[in-house]
C-alpha cells in the first residue's frame, strides 16, 4: 500500500493557495482548504517558517469566517523576521483587524509599517489588495481624497488582470462611499450602482454580504440627502439580513427619528448599543449614546457631558468629522437654552474641527 508523503513544499503551496482563496473572499473554497491544512499541519509543526505562515493566514481567515477566533495576544507575540514578506503580512493583517475594531490610530501605524514592506510582496495583485484595504481605512476616518487616491491605485491594478471583477466591484463601492462624503451624490450613485451591477452579473452566492455593503452605502447616500424613507428601505434590508450591522442600525435609527418615529428609533438604538458592546465597537457606543440623549431630550448639561466624553475617543482616533458634527449640535442646544458663553466654546471647537476636516479632504 502506497502512503503519500507530503513535503514542506506541498504545504507551502497549499498555504499559498489558501491565501489566494481568502484574498478573493471565496468562503467555501477557503473553508475546504483550511480543513485540508488542519489534516497536514501536524506533519510540519517543527518547521517554524511554515507554522508562522499558517498562524498569520489563520489570523487573516478570521475576517472571512466569523465563527473562528484567534488569540490576538498570541499573534502579537510571534517572532517575525524583519524586513520580510511575513513581516508585511503581519503588519497588513493586523492593520485590517484593528480597522475592523475601530482602533484607527493603531491601524494607521500598522498600515504605514506594512507599506514599507510592499517590496517583498509576490505579485502586483497583492499591492492592489493592500491599497484597497488602506482606502477602506481612510473611509472610516472621513478622508475621501485619500480614499480616492488609494482605491484608484487598487482599481488600476485589478483592471489589468482577468478574474478580478469582484475586487473591481469593491473598488467602485469604496469610491461611491468617498463621493458621498464629498456630497457629490450623482457620482456616488453611479459608482454604487456600477458595483451592484458587477456583483449581480456574477451571480455568486459568496457575494451576498458584499452586495449588502453596497446596499448599506446606498442607504447612507440617501440619508445624507435627508431622503429618510428611501434610506430606510435600503438600510432595513441590511439590518434584516445582517442583524448585527451596527452602522446600518445607527443610520436606520437616525432616519426613523427624522421621520418622528421615536419609539422605533429608540428600540433600534438599544439593539445597536447591545451589538456595539458585543463587538467592542467603542465608536458606535458613543454614536448610539449621543443619539439616544438627543431623542430623549435630556437636559442640555447631560447632553454636554455625553458629547464631551465622546470627544476623548474621537480625538484619540482622529475622527475630527464627528467632533465637528457633535460640537455644532451641542453649541446650538446650549445657545437655545440660554448659555451663549458656553455655546461659543463649542462653536469654536466646531470651527477647529472644520479646519482639520478640510485639511484632510472632507
Protein backbone atom coordinates (compact mmCIF):
# COMPACT_ATOMS: atom_id res chain seq x y z
CA UNK A 1 0.00 0.00 0.00
CA UNK A 2 1.43 3.37 -1.07
CA UNK A 3 1.38 6.14 1.51
CA UNK A 4 1.60 9.62 0.02
CA UNK A 5 4.27 11.68 1.74
CA UNK A 6 3.52 15.38 1.87
CA UNK A 7 6.57 17.63 1.74
CA UNK A 8 7.07 21.09 3.17
CA UNK A 9 6.93 22.38 -0.42
CA UNK A 10 3.47 20.81 -0.76
CA UNK A 11 2.30 22.51 2.44
CA UNK A 12 3.78 25.84 1.32
CA UNK A 13 1.89 25.54 -1.98
CA UNK A 14 -1.29 24.69 -0.08
CA UNK A 15 -0.84 27.74 2.17
CA UNK A 16 -0.30 29.97 -0.88
CA UNK A 17 -3.47 28.59 -2.43
CA UNK A 18 -5.39 29.13 0.81
CA UNK A 19 -4.35 32.78 0.94
CA UNK A 20 -5.47 33.33 -2.65
CA UNK A 21 -8.92 31.97 -1.77
CA UNK A 22 -9.05 34.13 1.38
CA UNK A 23 -7.99 37.17 -0.63
CA UNK A 24 -10.72 36.54 -3.20
CA UNK A 25 -13.27 36.04 -0.37
CA UNK A 26 -14.15 32.58 -1.71
CA UNK A 27 -15.65 31.38 1.56
CA UNK A 28 -16.41 27.75 0.71
CA UNK A 29 -13.10 27.11 -1.05
CA UNK A 30 -11.21 28.73 1.84
CA UNK A 31 -13.07 26.53 4.35
CA UNK A 32 -12.21 23.37 2.41
CA UNK A 33 -8.54 24.31 2.21
CA UNK A 34 -8.49 25.12 5.92
CA UNK A 35 -9.72 21.59 6.68
CA UNK A 36 -7.11 20.13 4.34
CA UNK A 37 -4.37 22.12 6.07
CA UNK A 38 -5.56 21.07 9.52
CA UNK A 39 -5.05 17.45 8.46
CA UNK A 40 -1.49 18.16 7.36
CA UNK A 41 -0.31 20.72 9.90
CA UNK A 42 0.82 18.08 12.42
CA UNK A 43 3.45 16.99 9.90
CA UNK A 44 5.17 20.36 9.77
CA UNK A 45 4.96 21.62 13.36
CA UNK A 46 8.74 21.59 13.59
CA UNK A 47 9.03 23.93 10.61
CA UNK A 48 8.86 27.41 12.18
CA UNK A 49 8.57 29.26 8.87
CA UNK A 50 5.53 27.28 7.73
CA UNK A 51 3.91 27.47 11.16
CA UNK A 52 4.38 31.25 11.17
CA UNK A 53 2.77 31.49 7.72
CA UNK A 54 -0.09 29.24 8.85
CA UNK A 55 -0.65 31.33 12.01
CA UNK A 56 -0.77 34.59 10.05
CA UNK A 57 -3.17 33.20 7.45
CA UNK A 58 -5.41 31.79 10.18
CA UNK A 59 -5.49 35.29 11.67
CA UNK A 60 -6.47 36.73 8.28
CA UNK A 61 -9.06 33.99 7.77
CA UNK A 62 -10.98 35.09 10.89
CA UNK A 63 -12.18 38.16 8.96
CA UNK A 64 -13.77 35.80 6.44
CA UNK A 65 -15.21 33.27 8.88
CA UNK A 66 -16.55 35.00 12.00
CA UNK A 67 -17.09 31.65 13.73
CA UNK A 68 -13.31 31.25 14.05
CA UNK A 69 -11.36 33.19 16.65
CA UNK A 70 -7.65 33.69 17.17
CA UNK A 71 -5.76 34.78 20.26
CA UNK A 72 -4.65 38.30 19.29
CA UNK A 73 -2.04 38.40 22.07
CA UNK A 74 -0.51 35.24 20.63
CA UNK A 75 -0.35 36.81 17.16
CA UNK A 76 1.33 39.91 18.57
CA UNK A 77 3.94 37.76 20.33
CA UNK A 78 5.00 35.93 17.14
CA UNK A 79 8.68 36.11 16.25
CA UNK A 80 8.50 37.80 12.84
CA UNK A 81 11.61 38.01 10.60
CA UNK A 82 12.48 41.67 9.99
CA UNK A 83 12.14 43.20 6.53
CA UNK A 84 10.38 40.18 5.03
CA UNK A 85 7.16 39.03 3.36
CA UNK A 86 5.99 37.59 6.69
CA UNK A 87 6.54 40.99 8.31
CA UNK A 88 4.39 42.57 5.58
CA UNK A 89 1.59 40.05 6.20
CA UNK A 90 1.87 40.58 9.95
CA UNK A 91 1.50 44.36 9.73
CA UNK A 92 -1.11 44.28 6.96
CA UNK A 93 -3.35 41.67 8.58
CA UNK A 94 -3.13 43.39 11.96
CA UNK A 95 -3.92 46.78 10.36
CA UNK A 96 -7.02 45.34 8.73
CA UNK A 97 -8.09 43.74 12.01
CA UNK A 98 -7.59 46.93 14.04
CA UNK A 99 -9.59 48.86 11.44
CA UNK A 100 -12.47 46.42 11.86
CA UNK A 101 -12.37 47.04 15.63
CA UNK A 102 -12.36 50.82 15.16
CA UNK A 103 -8.83 51.22 16.55
CA UNK A 104 -7.83 53.67 13.84
CA UNK A 105 -4.75 55.19 15.45
CA UNK A 106 -3.17 51.75 15.85
CA UNK A 107 -4.32 50.70 12.38
CA UNK A 108 -2.64 53.75 10.85
CA UNK A 109 0.71 52.84 12.45
CA UNK A 110 0.42 49.28 11.15
CA UNK A 111 -0.57 50.31 7.61
CA UNK A 112 2.44 52.62 7.43
CA UNK A 113 4.74 49.80 8.51
CA UNK A 114 3.15 47.37 6.05
CA UNK A 115 3.58 49.86 3.21
CA UNK A 116 7.35 49.90 3.75
CA UNK A 117 7.36 46.11 3.25
CA UNK A 118 5.46 46.15 -0.06
CA UNK A 119 8.77 45.47 -1.82
CA UNK A 120 8.56 41.89 -0.52
CA UNK A 121 5.14 41.01 -1.95
CA UNK A 122 4.99 38.19 -4.50
CA UNK A 123 2.61 39.76 -7.03
CA UNK A 124 1.10 43.07 -8.11
CA UNK A 125 -2.41 41.97 -7.16
CA UNK A 126 -1.31 41.86 -3.52
CA UNK A 127 -0.31 45.52 -3.85
CA UNK A 128 -3.82 46.26 -5.09
CA UNK A 129 -5.26 44.32 -2.15
CA UNK A 130 -3.20 46.46 0.22
CA UNK A 131 -4.31 49.75 -1.31
CA UNK A 132 -7.97 48.69 -1.39
CA UNK A 133 -7.88 47.94 2.32
CA UNK A 134 -5.93 51.12 3.05
CA UNK A 135 -8.64 53.08 1.19
CA UNK A 136 -11.34 51.45 3.33
CA UNK A 137 -9.40 52.53 6.42
CA UNK A 138 -9.39 56.15 5.22
CA UNK A 139 -13.12 55.99 4.50
CA UNK A 140 -13.76 55.35 8.20
CA UNK A 141 -11.63 58.40 9.03
CA UNK A 142 -13.72 60.56 6.65
CA UNK A 143 -10.75 61.36 4.42
CA UNK A 144 -12.31 60.90 0.96
CA UNK A 145 -9.41 62.35 -1.03
CA UNK A 146 -7.06 59.78 0.50
CA UNK A 147 -9.68 57.11 -0.21
CA UNK A 148 -9.86 58.09 -3.87
CA UNK A 149 -6.06 58.17 -4.21
CA UNK A 150 -5.58 54.69 -2.72
CA UNK A 151 -8.59 52.93 -4.24
CA UNK A 152 -7.73 54.32 -7.69
CA UNK A 153 -4.32 52.62 -7.41
CA UNK A 154 -6.04 49.37 -6.46
CA UNK A 155 -8.62 49.53 -9.23
CA UNK A 156 -5.95 50.32 -11.81
CA UNK A 157 -4.05 47.14 -10.91
CA UNK A 158 -7.10 44.86 -10.61
CA UNK A 159 -8.31 46.05 -14.03
CA UNK A 160 -5.12 44.71 -15.65
CA UNK A 161 -5.90 41.11 -14.70
CA UNK A 162 -8.71 38.76 -15.66
CA UNK A 163 -10.90 37.29 -12.95
CA UNK A 164 -10.87 40.24 -10.56
CA UNK A 165 -14.36 41.59 -11.26
CA UNK A 166 -15.29 41.11 -7.60
CA UNK A 167 -12.40 43.30 -6.46
CA UNK A 168 -13.23 45.93 -9.08
CA UNK A 169 -16.81 45.97 -7.76
CA UNK A 170 -15.46 46.53 -4.25
CA UNK A 171 -13.35 49.43 -5.55
CA UNK A 172 -16.44 51.06 -7.08
CA UNK A 173 -18.27 50.62 -3.77
CA UNK A 174 -15.45 52.33 -1.87
CA UNK A 175 -15.35 55.14 -4.45
CA UNK A 176 -19.10 55.58 -4.02
CA UNK A 177 -18.66 55.94 -0.26
CA UNK A 178 -15.94 58.57 -0.76
CA UNK A 179 -18.14 60.64 -3.07
CA UNK A 180 -20.97 60.52 -0.52
CA UNK A 181 -18.58 62.09 1.99
CA UNK A 182 -17.74 64.75 -0.61
CA UNK A 183 -21.51 65.38 -1.06
CA UNK A 184 -21.19 64.57 -4.77
CA UNK A 185 -24.19 62.31 -4.78
CA UNK A 186 -24.61 61.87 -8.55
CA UNK A 187 -21.07 60.50 -8.83
CA UNK A 188 -21.62 58.35 -5.74
CA UNK A 189 -24.77 56.80 -7.19
CA UNK A 190 -23.01 55.93 -10.45
CA UNK A 191 -20.18 54.17 -8.62
CA UNK A 192 -22.51 52.30 -6.27
CA UNK A 193 -24.87 51.11 -9.00
CA UNK A 194 -21.86 50.03 -11.09
CA UNK A 195 -20.62 47.99 -8.13
CA UNK A 196 -24.05 46.43 -7.69
CA UNK A 197 -24.35 45.61 -11.40
CA UNK A 198 -20.99 43.81 -11.46
CA UNK A 199 -21.84 41.72 -8.40
CA UNK A 200 -25.33 40.83 -9.61
CA UNK A 201 -23.99 39.72 -13.01
CA UNK A 202 -21.51 37.42 -11.25
CA UNK A 203 -24.46 35.64 -9.59
CA UNK A 204 -22.13 34.22 -6.94
CA UNK A 205 -23.62 33.27 -3.57
CA UNK A 206 -20.37 34.35 -1.88
CA UNK A 207 -21.11 37.93 -2.93
CA UNK A 208 -24.32 38.42 -0.91
CA UNK A 209 -22.67 40.14 2.06
CA UNK A 210 -20.77 42.45 -0.27
CA UNK A 211 -23.94 43.32 -2.19
CA UNK A 212 -25.36 44.29 1.20
CA UNK A 213 -22.35 46.57 1.80
CA UNK A 214 -23.29 48.43 -1.36
CA UNK A 215 -26.93 48.41 -0.23
CA UNK A 216 -25.79 50.00 3.04
CA UNK A 217 -23.90 52.70 1.17
CA UNK A 218 -26.97 53.48 -0.95
CA UNK A 219 -28.91 53.88 2.30
CA UNK A 220 -26.14 56.09 3.65
CA UNK A 221 -26.24 58.21 0.48
CA UNK A 222 -29.99 58.80 0.76
CA UNK A 223 -29.72 59.52 4.50
CA UNK A 224 -27.14 62.24 3.77
CA UNK A 225 -29.71 63.83 1.44
CA UNK A 226 -32.45 63.57 4.11
CA UNK A 227 -34.42 61.18 1.90
CA UNK A 228 -35.26 59.23 5.03
CA UNK A 229 -37.95 56.88 3.71
CA UNK A 230 -35.79 55.83 0.78
CA UNK A 231 -32.77 55.44 3.06
CA UNK A 232 -34.74 53.19 5.41
CA UNK A 233 -35.78 50.94 2.50
CA UNK A 234 -32.12 50.13 1.84
CA UNK A 235 -30.91 50.13 5.45
CA UNK A 236 -33.69 47.84 6.68
CA UNK A 237 -32.74 45.29 4.02
CA UNK A 238 -29.25 45.21 5.52
CA UNK A 239 -30.36 45.02 9.17
CA UNK A 240 -32.87 42.27 8.38
CA UNK A 241 -30.20 40.11 6.72
CA UNK A 242 -27.26 41.12 8.95
CA UNK A 243 -28.83 41.83 12.38
CA UNK A 244 -25.51 42.96 13.91
CA UNK A 245 -24.65 45.50 11.20
CA UNK A 246 -24.22 48.34 13.70
CA UNK A 247 -23.57 51.01 11.05
CA UNK A 248 -26.88 50.30 9.30
CA UNK A 249 -28.69 50.03 12.64
CA UNK A 250 -27.43 53.50 13.59
CA UNK A 251 -28.43 55.13 10.31
CA UNK A 252 -31.83 53.43 10.31
CA UNK A 253 -32.45 54.64 13.88
CA UNK A 254 -31.42 58.18 12.94
CA UNK A 255 -33.65 58.26 9.86
CA UNK A 256 -36.63 56.96 11.84
CA UNK A 257 -36.05 59.78 14.33
CA UNK A 258 -36.08 62.31 11.48
CA UNK A 259 -39.50 60.94 10.49
CA UNK A 260 -40.80 61.27 14.04
CA UNK A 261 -40.76 57.52 14.70
CA UNK A 262 -39.11 57.93 18.10
CA UNK A 263 -40.21 54.58 19.56
CA UNK A 264 -38.79 52.71 16.57
CA UNK A 265 -35.60 54.77 16.74
CA UNK A 266 -35.11 54.12 20.47
CA UNK A 267 -35.74 50.40 20.03
CA UNK A 268 -33.09 50.28 17.31
CA UNK A 269 -30.67 52.27 19.47
CA UNK A 270 -30.99 49.73 22.29
CA UNK A 271 -30.26 46.95 19.80
CA UNK A 272 -27.34 48.91 18.37
CA UNK A 273 -25.83 49.53 21.79
CA UNK A 274 -26.01 45.82 22.61
CA UNK A 275 -24.32 44.90 19.32
CA UNK A 276 -21.64 47.59 19.73
CA UNK A 277 -20.75 46.31 23.20
CA UNK A 278 -20.65 42.69 22.00
CA UNK A 279 -18.35 43.62 19.10
CA UNK A 280 -16.24 46.03 21.18
CA UNK A 281 -17.13 48.96 18.91
CA UNK A 282 -16.47 51.93 21.18
CA UNK A 283 -17.00 54.44 18.38
CA UNK A 284 -20.58 53.33 17.83
CA UNK A 285 -21.30 53.07 21.54
CA UNK A 286 -20.70 56.83 21.58
CA UNK A 287 -22.85 57.44 18.47
CA UNK A 288 -25.79 55.49 19.88
CA UNK A 289 -25.48 57.12 23.32
CA UNK A 290 -25.49 60.63 21.83
CA UNK A 291 -28.42 59.90 19.50
CA UNK A 292 -30.41 58.46 22.40
CA UNK A 293 -29.75 61.57 24.51
CA UNK A 294 -30.88 63.83 21.65
CA UNK A 295 -34.07 61.84 21.04
CA UNK A 296 -34.95 61.72 24.75
CA UNK A 297 -34.31 65.48 25.02
CA UNK A 298 -32.18 65.12 28.13
CA UNK A 299 -31.14 68.34 29.95
CA UNK A 300 -28.51 70.22 27.97
CA UNK A 301 -25.96 69.72 30.78
CA UNK A 302 -26.38 65.95 30.47
CA UNK A 303 -26.10 66.13 26.68
CA UNK A 304 -22.90 68.14 27.06
CA UNK A 305 -21.43 65.50 29.37
CA UNK A 306 -22.25 62.67 26.95
CA UNK A 307 -20.83 64.50 23.93
CA UNK A 308 -17.66 65.72 25.68
CA UNK A 309 -16.94 62.17 26.87
CA UNK A 310 -17.09 61.01 23.24
CA UNK A 311 -14.55 63.65 22.17
CA UNK A 312 -11.78 61.88 24.09
CA UNK A 313 -12.20 58.83 21.86
CA UNK A 314 -12.82 60.76 18.63
CA UNK A 315 -9.74 62.95 19.06
CA UNK A 316 -7.56 59.98 20.01
CA UNK A 317 -8.62 58.09 16.87
CA UNK A 318 -8.51 61.13 14.55
CA UNK A 319 -12.26 61.26 13.92
CA UNK A 320 -12.46 65.04 13.56
CA UNK A 321 -15.61 64.91 11.45
CA UNK A 322 -17.60 63.75 14.47
CA UNK A 323 -16.07 66.38 16.76
CA UNK A 324 -17.24 68.96 14.22
CA UNK A 325 -20.72 67.45 13.88
CA UNK A 326 -21.42 67.00 17.59
CA UNK A 327 -19.86 70.36 18.55
CA UNK A 328 -22.28 72.07 16.18
CA UNK A 329 -25.24 70.22 17.70
CA UNK A 330 -24.15 70.99 21.26
CA UNK A 331 -23.39 74.65 20.55
CA UNK A 332 -26.87 75.23 19.12
CA UNK A 333 -28.54 73.40 22.04
CA UNK A 334 -26.58 75.47 24.59
CA UNK A 335 -27.38 78.73 22.82
CA UNK A 336 -31.08 77.87 22.61
CA UNK A 337 -31.08 77.05 26.34
CA UNK A 338 -29.60 80.39 27.37
CA UNK A 339 -25.90 79.52 27.65
CA UNK A 340 -24.31 81.73 24.95
CA UNK A 341 -20.82 81.85 26.51
CA UNK A 342 -20.71 78.07 26.86
CA UNK A 343 -22.07 77.72 23.33
CA UNK A 344 -19.25 79.87 21.95
CA UNK A 345 -16.70 77.31 23.18
CA UNK A 346 -18.30 74.60 21.07
CA UNK A 347 -18.81 76.87 18.07
CA UNK A 348 -15.04 77.39 18.21
CA UNK A 349 -14.43 73.65 18.60
CA UNK A 350 -16.65 73.05 15.56
CA UNK A 351 -14.61 75.65 13.67
CA UNK A 352 -11.41 73.85 14.68
CA UNK A 353 -12.88 70.52 13.63
CA UNK A 354 -13.99 72.00 10.31
CA UNK A 355 -10.47 73.24 9.59
CA UNK A 356 -9.00 69.85 10.45
CA UNK A 357 -11.60 68.07 8.33
CA UNK A 358 -10.95 70.41 5.40
CA UNK A 359 -7.22 69.77 5.68
CA UNK A 360 -7.94 66.05 5.34
CA UNK A 361 -10.21 66.45 2.34
CA UNK A 362 -13.66 66.21 3.95
